[in-house]
Each structure stands twice: as C-alpha cells, then as structure tokens.
Amino acid sequence: MPKTFPFPQDLLEAQVTLRETRAAYEEYARTLPWSAEPMPGWEGDKQLHSSYRSHKEDSPGYTEEQAPETVRFRARLLELSTAVSTHPFWDSVDVGDRVEARMALKHAHEPAEA
C-alpha cells in the first residue's frame, strides 16, 4: 500500500493550478505557428524505403497578441513550479520518500480508489 502524505492545502492548490495552467498552455501552444519569428518553410529529403518526406509550411511568426501571451504563460508556469518544488513541506519529508511524495502530490487531485 502506498504511503500517504499530509500535504498542506496551499501546496495542493498550487499543484492543481500548475496542472491546469500547463494544460491550458499546451492547448494554446497547439494553435501557434511553428516558429515565433517569420521563417520560410522547408521540405526534407525523401526517407529511404518510404514515400515520407518531412516538411513545414512557411511560418508567419507570432502575432502581437501571441508573443506576450506565451511569455505570460511561461512566467506563470515558472512561478507555480517554483512554488511547488520549494514549498517548506518538502523539508518535513524524509529524503528517501521525496520522490514518492512528489508523485503522490501529482495525483492527489484524483479520486481515491475504492
């Protein structure tokens, strides 16, 4: 049976916010051009024994709205990651149990198994 850890509420909330923010950023990033700066597209060589040929269309670069939004997301993710990883709670966990505790925190939002 896995160990349970007495996570403080602020750490649990920071972890949930981190997970939600990362998911929102990943969803947003899927809408972005492949390059932040305007770049010409390219086509690679045909792969041996295959008709596959890698390629990218021209990238218009990020818009005036996309660039600062990306910076905002990344700053928020750094802030939340730092808050979770440097929380004083970790000092109360035995060094040998910290990886297990960190994994437990990542799944603490999930419903308990019956």
PDB file of N, CA and C in Angstrom:
ATOM      1  N   MET A   1       0.848  -1.182   0.000  1.00  0.00           N
ATOM      2  CA  MET A   1       0.000   0.000   0.000  1.00  0.00           C
ATOM      3  C   MET A   1       0.896   1.248   0.000  1.00  0.00           C
ATOM      4  N   PRO A   2       0.601   2.190  -0.900  1.00  0.00           N
ATOM      5  CA  PRO A   2       1.432   3.392  -0.965  1.00  0.00           C
ATOM      6  C   PRO A   2       1.279   4.256   0.283  1.00  0.00           C
ATOM      7  N   LYS A   3       2.339   4.985   0.587  1.00  0.00           N
ATOM      8  CA  LYS A   3       2.297   5.898   1.725  1.00  0.00           C
ATOM      9  C   LYS A   3       1.369   7.055   1.421  1.00  0.00           C
ATOM     10  N   THR A   4       0.828   7.626   2.473  1.00  0.00           N
ATOM     11  CA  THR A   4       0.048   8.861   2.319  1.00  0.00           C
ATOM     12  C   THR A   4       0.848   9.976   2.980  1.00  0.00           C
ATOM     13  N   PHE A   5       0.661  11.166   2.465  1.00  0.00           N
ATOM     14  CA  PHE A   5       1.419  12.311   2.955  1.00  0.00           C
ATOM     15  C   PHE A   5       0.435  13.422   3.318  1.00  0.00           C
ATOM     16  N   PRO A   6       0.723  14.138   4.407  1.00  0.00           N
ATOM     17  CA  PRO A   6      -0.175  15.211   4.858  1.00  0.00           C
ATOM     18  C   PRO A   6       0.105  16.531   4.124  1.00  0.00           C
ATOM     19  N   PHE A   7      -0.249  16.574   2.844  1.00  0.00           N
ATOM     20  CA  PHE A   7       0.034  17.777   2.063  1.00  0.00           C
ATOM     21  C   PHE A   7      -0.758  18.965   2.592  1.00  0.00           C
ATOM     22  N   PRO A   8      -0.109  20.108   2.775  1.00  0.00           N
ATOM     23  CA  PRO A   8      -0.848  21.302   3.189  1.00  0.00           C
ATOM     24  C   PRO A   8      -1.729  21.794   2.034  1.00  0.00           C
ATOM     25  N   GLN A   9      -2.816  22.447   2.387  1.00  0.00           N
ATOM     26  CA  GLN A   9      -3.795  22.891   1.402  1.00  0.00           C
ATOM     27  C   GLN A   9      -3.186  23.819   0.346  1.00  0.00           C
ATOM     28  N   ASP A  10      -2.302  24.729   0.759  1.00  0.00           N
ATOM     29  CA  ASP A  10      -1.726  25.655  -0.225  1.00  0.00           C
ATOM     30  C   ASP A  10      -0.852  24.929  -1.249  1.00  0.00           C
ATOM     31  N   LEU A  11      -0.183  23.850  -0.840  1.00  0.00           N
ATOM     32  CA  LEU A  11       0.616  23.054  -1.769  1.00  0.00           C
ATOM     33  C   LEU A  11      -0.291  22.290  -2.732  1.00  0.00           C
ATOM     34  N   LEU A  12      -1.362  21.712  -2.221  1.00  0.00           N
ATOM     35  CA  LEU A  12      -2.333  21.021  -3.081  1.00  0.00           C
ATOM     36  C   LEU A  12      -2.920  21.982  -4.116  1.00  0.00           C
ATOM     37  N   GLU A  13      -3.278  23.174  -3.668  1.00  0.00           N
ATOM     38  CA  GLU A  13      -3.859  24.165  -4.583  1.00  0.00           C
ATOM     39  C   GLU A  13      -2.844  24.616  -5.632  1.00  0.00           C
ATOM     40  N   ALA A  14      -1.589  24.799  -5.227  1.00  0.00           N
ATOM     41  CA  ALA A  14      -0.553  25.202  -6.181  1.00  0.00           C
ATOM     42  C   ALA A  14      -0.337  24.110  -7.225  1.00  0.00           C
ATOM     43  N   GLN A  15      -0.359  22.848  -6.795  1.00  0.00           N
ATOM     44  CA  GLN A  15      -0.182  21.735  -7.734  1.00  0.00           C
ATOM     45  C   GLN A  15      -1.343  21.667  -8.728  1.00  0.00           C
ATOM     46  N   VAL A  16      -2.565  21.836  -8.263  1.00  0.00           N
ATOM     47  CA  VAL A  16      -3.725  21.817  -9.159  1.00  0.00           C
ATOM     48  C   VAL A  16      -3.648  22.990 -10.143  1.00  0.00           C
ATOM     49  N   THR A  17      -3.300  24.154  -9.649  1.00  0.00           N
ATOM     50  CA  THR A  17      -3.175  25.325 -10.521  1.00  0.00           C
ATOM     51  C   THR A  17      -2.071  25.114 -11.546  1.00  0.00           C
ATOM     52  N   LEU A  18      -0.958  24.511 -11.135  1.00  0.00           N
ATOM     53  CA  LEU A  18       0.135  24.204 -12.054  1.00  0.00           C
ATOM     54  C   LEU A  18      -0.341  23.251 -13.151  1.00  0.00           C
ATOM     55  N   ARG A  19      -1.044  22.202 -12.766  1.00  0.00           N
ATOM     56  CA  ARG A  19      -1.543  21.227 -13.742  1.00  0.00           C
ATOM     57  C   ARG A  19      -2.513  21.886 -14.723  1.00  0.00           C
ATOM     58  N   GLU A  20      -3.431  22.694 -14.210  1.00  0.00           N
ATOM     59  CA  GLU A  20      -4.415  23.368 -15.063  1.00  0.00           C
ATOM     60  C   GLU A  20      -3.746  24.390 -15.991  1.00  0.00           C
ATOM     61  N   THR A  21      -2.777  25.121 -15.466  1.00  0.00           N
ATOM     62  CA  THR A  21      -2.071  26.125 -16.267  1.00  0.00           C
ATOM     63  C   THR A  21      -1.252  25.452 -17.362  1.00  0.00           C
ATOM     64  N   ARG A  22      -0.599  24.347 -17.024  1.00  0.00           N
ATOM     65  CA  ARG A  22       0.185  23.626 -18.033  1.00  0.00           C
ATOM     66  C   ARG A  22      -0.732  23.101 -19.137  1.00  0.00           C
ATOM     67  N   ALA A  23      -1.889  22.561 -18.769  1.00  0.00           N
ATOM     68  CA  ALA A  23      -2.835  22.060 -19.771  1.00  0.00           C
ATOM     69  C   ALA A  23      -3.335  23.196 -20.659  1.00  0.00           C
ATOM     70  N   ALA A  24      -3.631  24.345 -20.061  1.00  0.00           N
ATOM     71  CA  ALA A  24      -4.096  25.497 -20.843  1.00  0.00           C
ATOM     72  C   ALA A  24      -2.999  25.986 -21.781  1.00  0.00           C
ATOM     73  N   TYR A  25      -1.766  26.005 -21.307  1.00  0.00           N
ATOM     74  CA  TYR A  25      -0.658  26.436 -22.159  1.00  0.00           C
ATOM     75  C   TYR A  25      -0.441  25.467 -23.318  1.00  0.00           C
ATOM     76  N   GLU A  26      -0.489  24.178 -23.035  1.00  0.00           N
ATOM     77  CA  GLU A  26      -0.294  23.187 -24.092  1.00  0.00           C
ATOM     78  C   GLU A  26      -1.389  23.304 -25.151  1.00  0.00           C
ATOM     79  N   GLU A  27      -2.620  23.541 -24.719  1.00  0.00           N
ATOM     80  CA  GLU A  27      -3.720  23.733 -25.660  1.00  0.00           C
ATOM     81  C   GLU A  27      -3.487  25.000 -26.489  1.00  0.00           C
ATOM     82  N   TYR A  28      -3.081  26.078 -25.841  1.00  0.00           N
ATOM     83  CA  TYR A  28      -2.798  27.329 -26.533  1.00  0.00           C
ATOM     84  C   TYR A  28      -1.634  27.157 -27.506  1.00  0.00           C
ATOM     85  N   ALA A  29      -0.586  26.464 -27.086  1.00  0.00           N
ATOM     86  CA  ALA A  29       0.606  26.293 -27.913  1.00  0.00           C
ATOM     87  C   ALA A  29       0.297  25.533 -29.203  1.00  0.00           C
ATOM     88  N   ARG A  30      -0.704  24.646 -29.166  1.00  0.00           N
ATOM     89  CA  ARG A  30      -1.072  23.914 -30.382  1.00  0.00           C
ATOM     90  C   ARG A  30      -1.619  24.839 -31.460  1.00  0.00           C
ATOM     91  N   THR A  31      -2.058  26.042 -31.083  1.00  0.00           N
ATOM     92  CA  THR A  31      -2.608  26.986 -32.059  1.00  0.00           C
ATOM     93  C   THR A  31      -1.542  27.913 -32.635  1.00  0.00           C
ATOM     94  N   LEU A  32      -0.339  27.860 -32.093  1.00  0.00           N
ATOM     95  CA  LEU A  32       0.719  28.786 -32.504  1.00  0.00           C
ATOM     96  C   LEU A  32       1.436  28.311 -33.768  1.00  0.00           C
ATOM     97  N   PRO A  33       1.974  29.242 -34.532  1.00  0.00           N
ATOM     98  CA  PRO A  33       2.835  28.848 -35.650  1.00  0.00           C
ATOM     99  C   PRO A  33       4.056  28.100 -35.120  1.00  0.00           C
ATOM    100  N   TRP A  34       4.696  27.319 -35.980  1.00  0.00           N
ATOM    101  CA  TRP A  34       5.834  26.507 -35.520  1.00  0.00           C
ATOM    102  C   TRP A  34       7.054  27.340 -35.157  1.00  0.00           C
ATOM    103  N   SER A  35       7.121  28.588 -35.599  1.00  0.00           N
ATOM    104  CA  SER A  35       8.251  29.454 -35.265  1.00  0.00           C
ATOM    105  C   SER A  35       7.731  30.775 -34.700  1.00  0.00           C
ATOM    106  N   ALA A  36       8.380  31.276 -33.670  1.00  0.00           N
ATOM    107  CA  ALA A  36       7.980  32.560 -33.088  1.00  0.00           C
ATOM    108  C   ALA A  36       8.272  33.708 -34.050  1.00  0.00           C
ATOM    109  N   GLU A  37       9.316  33.567 -34.853  1.00  0.00           N
ATOM    110  CA  GLU A  37       9.700  34.576 -35.845  1.00  0.00           C
ATOM    111  C   GLU A  37       9.265  34.095 -37.221  1.00  0.00           C
ATOM    112  N   PRO A  38       8.970  35.003 -38.145  1.00  0.00           N
ATOM    113  CA  PRO A  38       8.648  34.571 -39.506  1.00  0.00           C
ATOM    114  C   PRO A  38       9.818  33.760 -40.090  1.00  0.00           C
ATOM    115  N   MET A  39       9.497  32.600 -40.614  1.00  0.00           N
ATOM    116  CA  MET A  39      10.524  31.712 -41.179  1.00  0.00           C
ATOM    117  C   MET A  39       9.974  31.046 -42.430  1.00  0.00           C
ATOM    118  N   PRO A  40      10.837  30.840 -43.406  1.00  0.00           N
ATOM    119  CA  PRO A  40      10.378  30.121 -44.593  1.00  0.00           C
ATOM    120  C   PRO A  40      10.181  28.636 -44.270  1.00  0.00           C
ATOM    121  N   GLY A  41       9.272  28.029 -44.985  1.00  0.00           N
ATOM    122  CA  GLY A  41       9.060  26.592 -44.830  1.00  0.00           C
ATOM    123  C   GLY A  41      10.204  25.821 -45.458  1.00  0.00           C
ATOM    124  N   TRP A  42      10.154  24.512 -45.335  1.00  0.00           N
ATOM    125  CA  TRP A  42      11.191  23.674 -45.892  1.00  0.00           C
ATOM    126  C   TRP A  42      10.635  22.290 -46.189  1.00  0.00           C
ATOM    127  N   GLU A  43      11.342  21.569 -47.014  1.00  0.00           N
ATOM    128  CA  GLU A  43      10.989  20.184 -47.302  1.00  0.00           C
ATOM    129  C   GLU A  43      12.258  19.362 -47.213  1.00  0.00           C
ATOM    130  N   GLY A  44      12.178  18.278 -46.456  1.00  0.00           N
ATOM    131  CA  GLY A  44      13.341  17.423 -46.272  1.00  0.00           C
ATOM    132  C   GLY A  44      13.471  16.406 -47.382  1.00  0.00           C
ATOM    133  N   ASP A  45      14.542  15.652 -47.333  1.00  0.00           N
ATOM    134  CA  ASP A  45      14.772  14.590 -48.304  1.00  0.00           C
ATOM    135  C   ASP A  45      13.791  13.449 -48.076  1.00  0.00           C
ATOM    136  N   LYS A  46      13.490  12.734 -49.140  1.00  0.00           N
ATOM    137  CA  LYS A  46      12.640  11.558 -49.049  1.00  0.00           C
ATOM    138  C   LYS A  46      13.347  10.522 -48.186  1.00  0.00           C
ATOM    139  N   GLN A  47      12.593   9.872 -47.304  1.00  0.00           N
ATOM    140  CA  GLN A  47      13.156   8.854 -46.433  1.00  0.00           C
ATOM    141  C   GLN A  47      13.367   7.550 -47.199  1.00  0.00           C
ATOM    142  N   LEU A  48      14.450   6.880 -46.926  1.00  0.00           N
ATOM    143  CA  LEU A  48      14.794   5.628 -47.578  1.00  0.00           C
ATOM    144  C   LEU A  48      13.682   4.602 -47.355  1.00  0.00           C
ATOM    145  N   HIS A  49      13.290   3.901 -48.374  1.00  0.00           N
ATOM    146  CA  HIS A  49      12.270   2.846 -48.327  1.00  0.00           C
ATOM    147  C   HIS A  49      10.907   3.366 -47.879  1.00  0.00           C
ATOM    148  N   SER A  50      10.629   4.614 -48.180  1.00  0.00           N
ATOM    149  CA  SER A  50       9.368   5.219 -47.765  1.00  0.00           C
ATOM    150  C   SER A  50       9.057   6.375 -48.697  1.00  0.00           C
ATOM    151  N   SER A  51       7.789   6.716 -48.778  1.00  0.00           N
ATOM    152  CA  SER A  51       7.421   7.899 -49.560  1.00  0.00           C
ATOM    153  C   SER A  51       7.330   9.134 -48.659  1.00  0.00           C
ATOM    154  N   TYR A  52       7.656   8.967 -47.373  1.00  0.00           N
ATOM    155  CA  TYR A  52       7.560  10.074 -46.421  1.00  0.00           C
ATOM    156  C   TYR A  52       8.623  11.135 -46.706  1.00  0.00           C
ATOM    157  N   ARG A  53       8.192  12.364 -46.694  1.00  0.00           N
ATOM    158  CA  ARG A  53       9.106  13.499 -46.867  1.00  0.00           C
ATOM    159  C   ARG A  53       8.680  14.550 -45.842  1.00  0.00           C
ATOM    160  N   SER A  54       9.543  14.817 -44.862  1.00  0.00           N
ATOM    161  CA  SER A  54       9.188  15.803 -43.834  1.00  0.00           C
ATOM    162  C   SER A  54       9.150  17.195 -44.451  1.00  0.00           C
ATOM    163  N   HIS A  55       8.288  18.052 -43.884  1.00  0.00           N
ATOM    164  CA  HIS A  55       8.180  19.411 -44.395  1.00  0.00           C
ATOM    165  C   HIS A  55       7.496  20.308 -43.369  1.00  0.00           C
ATOM    166  N   LYS A  56       7.687  21.578 -43.535  1.00  0.00           N
ATOM    167  CA  LYS A  56       6.990  22.608 -42.752  1.00  0.00           C
ATOM    168  C   LYS A  56       6.547  23.683 -43.726  1.00  0.00           C
ATOM    169  N   GLU A  57       5.345  24.203 -43.509  1.00  0.00           N
ATOM    170  CA  GLU A  57       4.860  25.339 -44.287  1.00  0.00           C
ATOM    171  C   GLU A  57       5.551  26.605 -43.769  1.00  0.00           C
ATOM    172  N   ASP A  58       5.469  27.683 -44.515  1.00  0.00           N
ATOM    173  CA  ASP A  58       6.008  28.964 -44.034  1.00  0.00           C
ATOM    174  C   ASP A  58       5.362  29.318 -42.703  1.00  0.00           C
ATOM    175  N   SER A  59       6.139  29.868 -41.791  1.00  0.00           N
ATOM    176  CA  SER A  59       5.613  30.329 -40.508  1.00  0.00           C
ATOM    177  C   SER A  59       5.525  31.851 -40.527  1.00  0.00           C
ATOM    178  N   PRO A  60       4.329  32.385 -40.239  1.00  0.00           N
ATOM    179  CA  PRO A  60       4.208  33.842 -40.193  1.00  0.00           C
ATOM    180  C   PRO A  60       4.805  34.442 -38.928  1.00  0.00           C
ATOM    181  N   GLY A  61       5.194  33.596 -37.969  1.00  0.00           N
ATOM    182  CA  GLY A  61       5.669  34.089 -36.676  1.00  0.00           C
ATOM    183  C   GLY A  61       4.487  34.396 -35.774  1.00  0.00           C
ATOM    184  N   TYR A  62       4.783  34.688 -34.529  1.00  0.00           N
ATOM    185  CA  TYR A  62       3.729  35.000 -33.562  1.00  0.00           C
ATOM    186  C   TYR A  62       3.175  36.394 -33.832  1.00  0.00           C
ATOM    187  N   THR A  63       1.897  36.556 -33.535  1.00  0.00           N
ATOM    188  CA  THR A  63       1.266  37.866 -33.656  1.00  0.00           C
ATOM    189  C   THR A  63       1.634  38.720 -32.442  1.00  0.00           C
ATOM    190  N   GLU A  64       1.220  39.977 -32.480  1.00  0.00           N
ATOM    191  CA  GLU A  64       1.478  40.881 -31.345  1.00  0.00           C
ATOM    192  C   GLU A  64       0.757  40.417 -30.086  1.00  0.00           C
ATOM    193  N   GLU A  65      -0.310  39.632 -30.240  1.00  0.00           N
ATOM    194  CA  GLU A  65      -1.035  39.103 -29.075  1.00  0.00           C
ATOM    195  C   GLU A  65      -0.424  37.783 -28.598  1.00  0.00           C
ATOM    196  N   GLN A  66       0.050  36.959 -29.531  1.00  0.00           N
ATOM    197  CA  GLN A  66       0.555  35.635 -29.171  1.00  0.00           C
ATOM    198  C   GLN A  66       1.873  35.696 -28.406  1.00  0.00           C
ATOM    199  N   ALA A  67       2.765  36.573 -28.800  1.00  0.00           N
ATOM    200  CA  ALA A  67       4.083  36.643 -28.146  1.00  0.00           C
ATOM    201  C   ALA A  67       3.968  36.950 -26.651  1.00  0.00           C
ATOM    202  N   PRO A  68       3.250  38.026 -26.251  1.00  0.00           N
ATOM    203  CA  PRO A  68       3.167  38.288 -24.809  1.00  0.00           C
ATOM    204  C   PRO A  68       2.348  37.247 -24.055  1.00  0.00           C
ATOM    205  N   GLU A  69       1.376  36.627 -24.720  1.00  0.00           N
ATOM    206  CA  GLU A  69       0.585  35.581 -24.058  1.00  0.00           C
ATOM    207  C   GLU A  69       1.470  34.377 -23.761  1.00  0.00           C
ATOM    208  N   THR A  70       2.349  34.037 -24.673  1.00  0.00           N
ATOM    209  CA  THR A  70       3.281  32.939 -24.457  1.00  0.00           C
ATOM    210  C   THR A  70       4.221  33.262 -23.295  1.00  0.00           C
ATOM    211  N   VAL A  71       4.721  34.477 -23.255  1.00  0.00           N
ATOM    212  CA  VAL A  71       5.600  34.907 -22.157  1.00  0.00           C
ATOM    213  C   VAL A  71       4.834  34.846 -20.832  1.00  0.00           C
ATOM    214  N   ARG A  72       3.579  35.282 -20.828  1.00  0.00           N
ATOM    215  CA  ARG A  72       2.767  35.254 -19.609  1.00  0.00           C
ATOM    216  C   ARG A  72       2.587  33.819 -19.104  1.00  0.00           C
ATOM    217  N   PHE A  73       2.238  32.912 -20.020  1.00  0.00           N
ATOM    218  CA  PHE A  73       2.075  31.507 -19.635  1.00  0.00           C
ATOM    219  C   PHE A  73       3.367  30.955 -19.038  1.00  0.00           C
ATOM    220  N   ARG A  74       4.478  31.183 -19.710  1.00  0.00           N
ATOM    221  CA  ARG A  74       5.754  30.630 -19.244  1.00  0.00           C
ATOM    222  C   ARG A  74       6.161  31.196 -17.891  1.00  0.00           C
ATOM    223  N   ALA A  75       5.926  32.479 -17.679  1.00  0.00           N
ATOM    224  CA  ALA A  75       6.246  33.087 -16.384  1.00  0.00           C
ATOM    225  C   ALA A  75       5.383  32.488 -15.283  1.00  0.00           C
ATOM    226  N   ARG A  76       4.106  32.285 -15.579  1.00  0.00           N
ATOM    227  CA  ARG A  76       3.191  31.703 -14.582  1.00  0.00           C
ATOM    228  C   ARG A  76       3.583  30.256 -14.278  1.00  0.00           C
ATOM    229  N   LEU A  77       3.946  29.501 -15.306  1.00  0.00           N
ATOM    230  CA  LEU A  77       4.383  28.115 -15.082  1.00  0.00           C
ATOM    231  C   LEU A  77       5.653  28.061 -14.243  1.00  0.00           C
ATOM    232  N   LEU A  78       6.587  28.967 -14.491  1.00  0.00           N
ATOM    233  CA  LEU A  78       7.810  29.017 -13.690  1.00  0.00           C
ATOM    234  C   LEU A  78       7.488  29.369 -12.240  1.00  0.00           C
ATOM    235  N   GLU A  79       6.610  30.345 -12.055  1.00  0.00           N
ATOM    236  CA  GLU A  79       6.212  30.753 -10.703  1.00  0.00           C
ATOM    237  C   GLU A  79       5.575  29.587  -9.949  1.00  0.00           C
ATOM    238  N   LEU A  80       4.650  28.884 -10.598  1.00  0.00           N
ATOM    239  CA  LEU A  80       3.962  27.774  -9.938  1.00  0.00           C
ATOM    240  C   LEU A  80       4.893  26.589  -9.701  1.00  0.00           C
ATOM    241  N   SER A  81       5.745  26.285 -10.662  1.00  0.00           N
ATOM    242  CA  SER A  81       6.704  25.189 -10.493  1.00  0.00           C
ATOM    243  C   SER A  81       7.636  25.462  -9.319  1.00  0.00           C
ATOM    244  N   THR A  82       8.074  26.696  -9.212  1.00  0.00           N
ATOM    245  CA  THR A  82       8.950  27.084  -8.110  1.00  0.00           C
ATOM    246  C   THR A  82       8.223  26.982  -6.780  1.00  0.00           C
ATOM    247  N   ALA A  83       6.976  27.441  -6.750  1.00  0.00           N
ATOM    248  CA  ALA A  83       6.190  27.381  -5.511  1.00  0.00           C
ATOM    249  C   ALA A  83       5.999  25.946  -5.043  1.00  0.00           C
ATOM    250  N   VAL A  84       5.733  25.040  -5.984  1.00  0.00           N
ATOM    251  CA  VAL A  84       5.528  23.634  -5.619  1.00  0.00           C
ATOM    252  C   VAL A  84       6.844  22.990  -5.198  1.00  0.00           C
ATOM    253  N   SER A  85       7.899  23.195  -5.967  1.00  0.00           N
ATOM    254  CA  SER A  85       9.148  22.478  -5.702  1.00  0.00           C
ATOM    255  C   SER A  85       9.934  23.017  -4.507  1.00  0.00           C
ATOM    256  N   THR A  86       9.697  24.260  -4.118  1.00  0.00           N
ATOM    257  CA  THR A  86      10.437  24.827  -2.983  1.00  0.00           C
ATOM    258  C   THR A  86       9.557  25.012  -1.749  1.00  0.00           C
ATOM    259  N   HIS A  87       8.362  24.440  -1.778  1.00  0.00           N
ATOM    260  CA  HIS A  87       7.446  24.591  -0.641  1.00  0.00           C
ATOM    261  C   HIS A  87       8.106  24.030   0.630  1.00  0.00           C
ATOM    262  N   PRO A  88       7.937  24.687   1.763  1.00  0.00           N
ATOM    263  CA  PRO A  88       8.545  24.213   3.013  1.00  0.00           C
ATOM    264  C   PRO A  88       8.125  22.803   3.420  1.00  0.00           C
ATOM    265  N   PHE A  89       7.003  22.328   2.920  1.00  0.00           N
ATOM    266  CA  PHE A  89       6.548  20.965   3.233  1.00  0.00           C
ATOM    267  C   PHE A  89       7.620  19.933   2.930  1.00  0.00           C
ATOM    268  N   TRP A  90       8.363  20.124   1.830  1.00  0.00           N
ATOM    269  CA  TRP A  90       9.339  19.110   1.413  1.00  0.00           C
ATOM    270  C   TRP A  90      10.435  18.896   2.453  1.00  0.00           C
ATOM    271  N   ASP A  91      10.703  19.902   3.274  1.00  0.00           N
ATOM    272  CA  ASP A  91      11.699  19.751   4.341  1.00  0.00           C
ATOM    273  C   ASP A  91      11.238  18.774   5.418  1.00  0.00           C
ATOM    274  N   SER A  92       9.925  18.559   5.519  1.00  0.00           N
ATOM    275  CA  SER A  92       9.391  17.650   6.537  1.00  0.00           C
ATOM    276  C   SER A  92       9.318  16.205   6.053  1.00  0.00           C
ATOM    277  N   VAL A  93       9.618  15.981   4.788  1.00  0.00           N
ATOM    278  CA  VAL A  93       9.559  14.627   4.212  1.00  0.00           C
ATOM    279  C   VAL A  93      10.963  14.041   4.196  1.00  0.00           C
ATOM    280  N   ASP A  94      11.093  12.784   4.651  1.00  0.00           N
ATOM    281  CA  ASP A  94      12.394  12.119   4.612  1.00  0.00           C
ATOM    282  C   ASP A  94      12.925  12.140   3.184  1.00  0.00           C
ATOM    283  N   VAL A  95      14.215  12.346   3.063  1.00  0.00           N
ATOM    284  CA  VAL A  95      14.832  12.453   1.748  1.00  0.00           C
ATOM    285  C   VAL A  95      14.489  11.241   0.882  1.00  0.00           C
ATOM    286  N   GLY A  96      14.508  10.058   1.452  1.00  0.00           N
ATOM    287  CA  GLY A  96      14.224   8.832   0.699  1.00  0.00           C
ATOM    288  C   GLY A  96      12.778   8.715   0.250  1.00  0.00           C
ATOM    289  N   ASP A  97      11.892   9.526   0.809  1.00  0.00           N
ATOM    290  CA  ASP A  97      10.469   9.461   0.467  1.00  0.00           C
ATOM    291  C   ASP A  97      10.024  10.609  -0.444  1.00  0.00           C
ATOM    292  N   ARG A  98      10.923  11.506  -0.790  1.00  0.00           N
ATOM    293  CA  ARG A  98      10.517  12.711  -1.521  1.00  0.00           C
ATOM    294  C   ARG A  98      10.016  12.424  -2.929  1.00  0.00           C
ATOM    295  N   VAL A  99      10.632  11.497  -3.621  1.00  0.00           N
ATOM    296  CA  VAL A  99      10.147  11.182  -4.972  1.00  0.00           C
ATOM    297  C   VAL A  99       8.736  10.589  -4.883  1.00  0.00           C
ATOM    298  N   GLU A 100       8.538   9.664  -3.960  1.00  0.00           N
ATOM    299  CA  GLU A 100       7.211   9.063  -3.779  1.00  0.00           C
ATOM    300  C   GLU A 100       6.192  10.126  -3.376  1.00  0.00           C
ATOM    301  N   ALA A 101       6.586  11.049  -2.522  1.00  0.00           N
ATOM    302  CA  ALA A 101       5.683  12.127  -2.107  1.00  0.00           C
ATOM    303  C   ALA A 101       5.353  13.040  -3.278  1.00  0.00           C
ATOM    304  N   ARG A 102       6.350  13.340  -4.097  1.00  0.00           N
ATOM    305  CA  ARG A 102       6.109  14.209  -5.257  1.00  0.00           C
ATOM    306  C   ARG A 102       5.149  13.546  -6.230  1.00  0.00           C
ATOM    307  N   MET A 103       5.299  12.254  -6.450  1.00  0.00           N
ATOM    308  CA  MET A 103       4.385  11.523  -7.333  1.00  0.00           C
ATOM    309  C   MET A 103       2.976  11.494  -6.728  1.00  0.00           C
ATOM    310  N   ALA A 104       2.906  11.328  -5.410  1.00  0.00           N
ATOM    311  CA  ALA A 104       1.601  11.326  -4.740  1.00  0.00           C
ATOM    312  C   ALA A 104       0.926  12.687  -4.883  1.00  0.00           C
ATOM    313  N   LEU A 105       1.703  13.760  -4.777  1.00  0.00           N
ATOM    314  CA  LEU A 105       1.133  15.104  -4.920  1.00  0.00           C
ATOM    315  C   LEU A 105       0.566  15.297  -6.329  1.00  0.00           C
ATOM    316  N   LYS A 106       1.286  14.805  -7.328  1.00  0.00           N
ATOM    317  CA  LYS A 106       0.816  14.958  -8.707  1.00  0.00           C
ATOM    318  C   LYS A 106      -0.529  14.268  -8.933  1.00  0.00           C
ATOM    319  N   HIS A 107      -0.822  13.253  -8.145  1.00  0.00           N
ATOM    320  CA  HIS A 107      -2.071  12.502  -8.315  1.00  0.00           C
ATOM    321  C   HIS A 107      -3.076  12.750  -7.192  1.00  0.00           C
ATOM    322  N   ALA A 108      -2.775  13.686  -6.313  1.00  0.00           N
ATOM    323  CA  ALA A 108      -3.640  13.927  -5.156  1.00  0.00           C
ATOM    324  C   ALA A 108      -5.034  14.428  -5.556  1.00  0.00           C
ATOM    325  N   HIS A 109      -5.166  15.031  -6.732  1.00  0.00           N
ATOM    326  CA  HIS A 109      -6.458  15.550  -7.192  1.00  0.00           C
ATOM    327  C   HIS A 109      -7.376  14.431  -7.686  1.00  0.00           C
ATOM    328  N   GLU A 110      -6.821  13.242  -7.936  1.00  0.00           N
ATOM    329  CA  GLU A 110      -7.609  12.140  -8.465  1.00  0.00           C
ATOM    330  C   GLU A 110      -8.432  11.512  -7.341  1.00  0.00           C
ATOM    331  N   PRO A 111      -9.630  11.003  -7.671  1.00  0.00           N
ATOM    332  CA  PRO A 111     -10.430  10.353  -6.635  1.00  0.00           C
ATOM    333  C   PRO A 111      -9.729   9.092  -6.105  1.00  0.00           C
ATOM    334  N   ALA A 112      -9.917   8.828  -4.839  1.00  0.00           N
ATOM    335  CA  ALA A 112      -9.303   7.646  -4.221  1.00  0.00           C
ATOM    336  C   ALA A 112      -9.942   6.375  -4.786  1.00  0.00           C
ATOM    337  N   GLU A 113      -9.100   5.353  -4.956  1.00  0.00           N
ATOM    338  CA  GLU A 113      -9.609   4.068  -5.459  1.00  0.00           C
ATOM    339  C   GLU A 113     -10.437   3.395  -4.368  1.00  0.00           C
ATOM    340  N   ALA A 114     -11.460   2.677  -4.796  1.00  0.00           N
ATOM    341  CA  ALA A 114     -12.358   2.003  -3.827  1.00  0.00           C
ATOM    342  C   ALA A 114     -11.693   0.805  -3.216  1.00  0.00           C
TER     343      ALA A 114
END
